[in-house]
Amino acid sequence: MSKFQLFDGVILREYLPLIDGGIAPIGTVGTIVEILKNGEAYLVELFGDWVKYDEQGNFVCATQTEKGAFLETIGVEIVYPHQLVLTFSAKQTMTLT
């Protein structure tokens, strides 16, 4: 059985190399977007800083309270259970009807 569920919020408990060559630091927030092999691993969307689009359509730094701001996706990576800490369960934020 899977330790984490689909759409659970998580944070990294160790550095994680990204496919694009960058590194996600400890404390990076993410969301479980796929469960692999009954929870042996997870596909996690990892987020960076708050950003928004400027008038030219480029990302610029923003604060969480600014209109149009969102968390930038820095990668969608395979992560193992020992690398993750649950921050909130999907059940806390979603209800199925």
C-alpha atoms as a PDB file:
ATOM      1  CA  MET A   1       0.000   0.000   0.000  1.00  0.00           C
ATOM      2  CA  SER A   2       1.171   3.516  -0.827  1.00  0.00           C
ATOM      3  CA  LYS A   3       2.463   5.747   1.965  1.00  0.00           C
ATOM      4  CA  PHE A   4       1.326   8.865   0.072  1.00  0.00           C
ATOM      5  CA  GLN A   5      -1.831   9.440  -1.925  1.00  0.00           C
ATOM      6  CA  LEU A   6      -2.475  11.199  -5.220  1.00  0.00           C
ATOM      7  CA  PHE A   7      -2.427  15.021  -4.793  1.00  0.00           C
ATOM      8  CA  ASP A   8      -0.853  14.926  -1.324  1.00  0.00           C
ATOM      9  CA  GLY A   9       1.344  17.936  -0.565  1.00  0.00           C
ATOM     10  CA  VAL A  10       4.944  17.023   0.256  1.00  0.00           C
ATOM     11  CA  ILE A  11       8.348  18.577   0.887  1.00  0.00           C
ATOM     12  CA  LEU A  12      11.751  17.166   0.022  1.00  0.00           C
ATOM     13  CA  ARG A  13      13.853  15.951   2.926  1.00  0.00           C
ATOM     14  CA  GLU A  14      17.007  15.759   0.780  1.00  0.00           C
ATOM     15  CA  TYR A  15      18.466  17.417  -2.301  1.00  0.00           C
ATOM     16  CA  LEU A  16      17.104  16.047  -5.577  1.00  0.00           C
ATOM     17  CA  PRO A  17      18.815  16.301  -8.987  1.00  0.00           C
ATOM     18  CA  LEU A  18      16.392  17.543 -11.656  1.00  0.00           C
ATOM     19  CA  ILE A  19      16.200  16.181 -15.177  1.00  0.00           C
ATOM     20  CA  ASP A  20      17.120  19.623 -16.561  1.00  0.00           C
ATOM     21  CA  GLY A  21      20.393  19.592 -14.631  1.00  0.00           C
ATOM     22  CA  GLY A  22      19.335  21.765 -11.700  1.00  0.00           C
ATOM     23  CA  ILE A  23      18.938  20.685  -8.100  1.00  0.00           C
ATOM     24  CA  ALA A  24      15.828  20.958  -5.927  1.00  0.00           C
ATOM     25  CA  PRO A  25      16.952  21.865  -2.396  1.00  0.00           C
ATOM     26  CA  ILE A  26      15.775  20.361   0.875  1.00  0.00           C
ATOM     27  CA  GLY A  27      12.404  21.912   1.736  1.00  0.00           C
ATOM     28  CA  THR A  28      11.183  22.192  -1.858  1.00  0.00           C
ATOM     29  CA  VAL A  29       7.395  21.827  -1.928  1.00  0.00           C
ATOM     30  CA  GLY A  30       5.570  19.540  -4.315  1.00  0.00           C
ATOM     31  CA  THR A  31       2.451  17.552  -5.088  1.00  0.00           C
ATOM     32  CA  ILE A  32       2.146  13.823  -5.776  1.00  0.00           C
ATOM     33  CA  VAL A  33       0.854  13.523  -9.350  1.00  0.00           C
ATOM     34  CA  GLU A  34       1.358   9.783  -9.908  1.00  0.00           C
ATOM     35  CA  ILE A  35       1.939   6.718  -7.750  1.00  0.00           C
ATOM     36  CA  LEU A  36       4.424   4.221  -9.197  1.00  0.00           C
ATOM     37  CA  LYS A  37       4.595   0.504  -8.354  1.00  0.00           C
ATOM     38  CA  ASN A  38       2.114   0.697  -5.457  1.00  0.00           C
ATOM     39  CA  GLY A  39       4.069   3.440  -3.721  1.00  0.00           C
ATOM     40  CA  GLU A  40       7.643   2.305  -4.335  1.00  0.00           C
ATOM     41  CA  ALA A  41       8.140   5.701  -5.996  1.00  0.00           C
ATOM     42  CA  TYR A  42       6.123   8.784  -6.895  1.00  0.00           C
ATOM     43  CA  LEU A  43       5.993  11.291  -9.692  1.00  0.00           C
ATOM     44  CA  VAL A  44       6.084  14.655  -7.922  1.00  0.00           C
ATOM     45  CA  GLU A  45       5.512  18.119  -9.380  1.00  0.00           C
ATOM     46  CA  LEU A  46       8.066  20.336  -7.618  1.00  0.00           C
ATOM     47  CA  PHE A  47       7.590  24.071  -7.181  1.00  0.00           C
ATOM     48  CA  GLY A  48       9.994  26.989  -6.941  1.00  0.00           C
ATOM     49  CA  ASP A  49       9.342  30.650  -6.283  1.00  0.00           C
ATOM     50  CA  TRP A  50       6.223  32.754  -6.706  1.00  0.00           C
ATOM     51  CA  VAL A  51       6.142  34.294 -10.196  1.00  0.00           C
ATOM     52  CA  LYS A  52       3.765  36.044 -12.557  1.00  0.00           C
ATOM     53  CA  TYR A  53       3.797  37.084 -16.205  1.00  0.00           C
ATOM     54  CA  ASP A  54       4.845  40.604 -17.148  1.00  0.00           C
ATOM     55  CA  GLU A  55       3.450  42.593 -20.104  1.00  0.00           C
ATOM     56  CA  GLN A  56       5.827  40.794 -22.509  1.00  0.00           C
ATOM     57  CA  GLY A  57       4.781  37.344 -21.280  1.00  0.00           C
ATOM     58  CA  ASN A  58       7.968  36.686 -19.303  1.00  0.00           C
ATOM     59  CA  PHE A  59       8.136  35.287 -15.775  1.00  0.00           C
ATOM     60  CA  VAL A  60       9.014  37.855 -13.118  1.00  0.00           C
ATOM     61  CA  CYS A  61       9.368  37.430  -9.363  1.00  0.00           C
ATOM     62  CA  ALA A  62       6.171  37.977  -7.407  1.00  0.00           C
ATOM     63  CA  THR A  63       4.696  37.587  -3.970  1.00  0.00           C
ATOM     64  CA  GLN A  64       1.946  35.160  -3.087  1.00  0.00           C
ATOM     65  CA  THR A  65      -0.566  37.989  -2.660  1.00  0.00           C
ATOM     66  CA  GLU A  66       0.026  39.647  -6.044  1.00  0.00           C
ATOM     67  CA  LYS A  67      -2.701  39.339  -8.651  1.00  0.00           C
ATOM     68  CA  GLY A  68      -1.847  36.607 -11.162  1.00  0.00           C
ATOM     69  CA  ALA A  69       0.945  35.093  -9.040  1.00  0.00           C
ATOM     70  CA  PHE A  70       1.556  31.338  -9.000  1.00  0.00           C
ATOM     71  CA  LEU A  71       4.246  28.878  -7.945  1.00  0.00           C
ATOM     72  CA  GLU A  72       6.614  28.089 -10.789  1.00  0.00           C
ATOM     73  CA  THR A  73       7.014  24.378 -11.611  1.00  0.00           C
ATOM     74  CA  ILE A  74      10.718  23.514 -11.492  1.00  0.00           C
ATOM     75  CA  GLY A  75      10.311  19.882 -12.439  1.00  0.00           C
ATOM     76  CA  VAL A  76       8.237  16.723 -12.432  1.00  0.00           C
ATOM     77  CA  GLU A  77      10.505  14.068 -11.010  1.00  0.00           C
ATOM     78  CA  ILE A  78      10.541  10.509  -9.710  1.00  0.00           C
ATOM     79  CA  VAL A  79      10.943  10.661  -5.934  1.00  0.00           C
ATOM     80  CA  TYR A  80      11.156   7.844  -3.377  1.00  0.00           C
ATOM     81  CA  PRO A  81       9.188   7.699  -0.095  1.00  0.00           C
ATOM     82  CA  HIS A  82      12.290   8.206   2.085  1.00  0.00           C
ATOM     83  CA  GLN A  83      12.904  11.527   0.280  1.00  0.00           C
ATOM     84  CA  LEU A  84       9.493  12.993   1.173  1.00  0.00           C
ATOM     85  CA  VAL A  85       7.592  14.399   4.132  1.00  0.00           C
ATOM     86  CA  LEU A  86       3.822  14.825   4.026  1.00  0.00           C
ATOM     87  CA  THR A  87       2.713  18.447   4.520  1.00  0.00           C
ATOM     88  CA  PHE A  88      -1.004  18.012   3.869  1.00  0.00           C
ATOM     89  CA  SER A  89      -3.125  15.188   2.587  1.00  0.00           C
ATOM     90  CA  ALA A  90      -5.277  15.537  -0.480  1.00  0.00           C
ATOM     91  CA  LYS A  91      -8.255  14.648   1.722  1.00  0.00           C
ATOM     92  CA  GLN A  92      -7.686  17.877   3.651  1.00  0.00           C
ATOM     93  CA  THR A  93      -8.084  20.018   0.545  1.00  0.00           C
ATOM     94  CA  MET A  94     -10.385  18.028  -1.726  1.00  0.00           C
ATOM     95  CA  THR A  95     -13.663  16.214  -1.336  1.00  0.00           C
ATOM     96  CA  LEU A  96     -14.986  13.740  -3.846  1.00  0.00           C
ATOM     97  CA  THR A  97     -18.648  13.843  -4.677  1.00  0.00           C
END
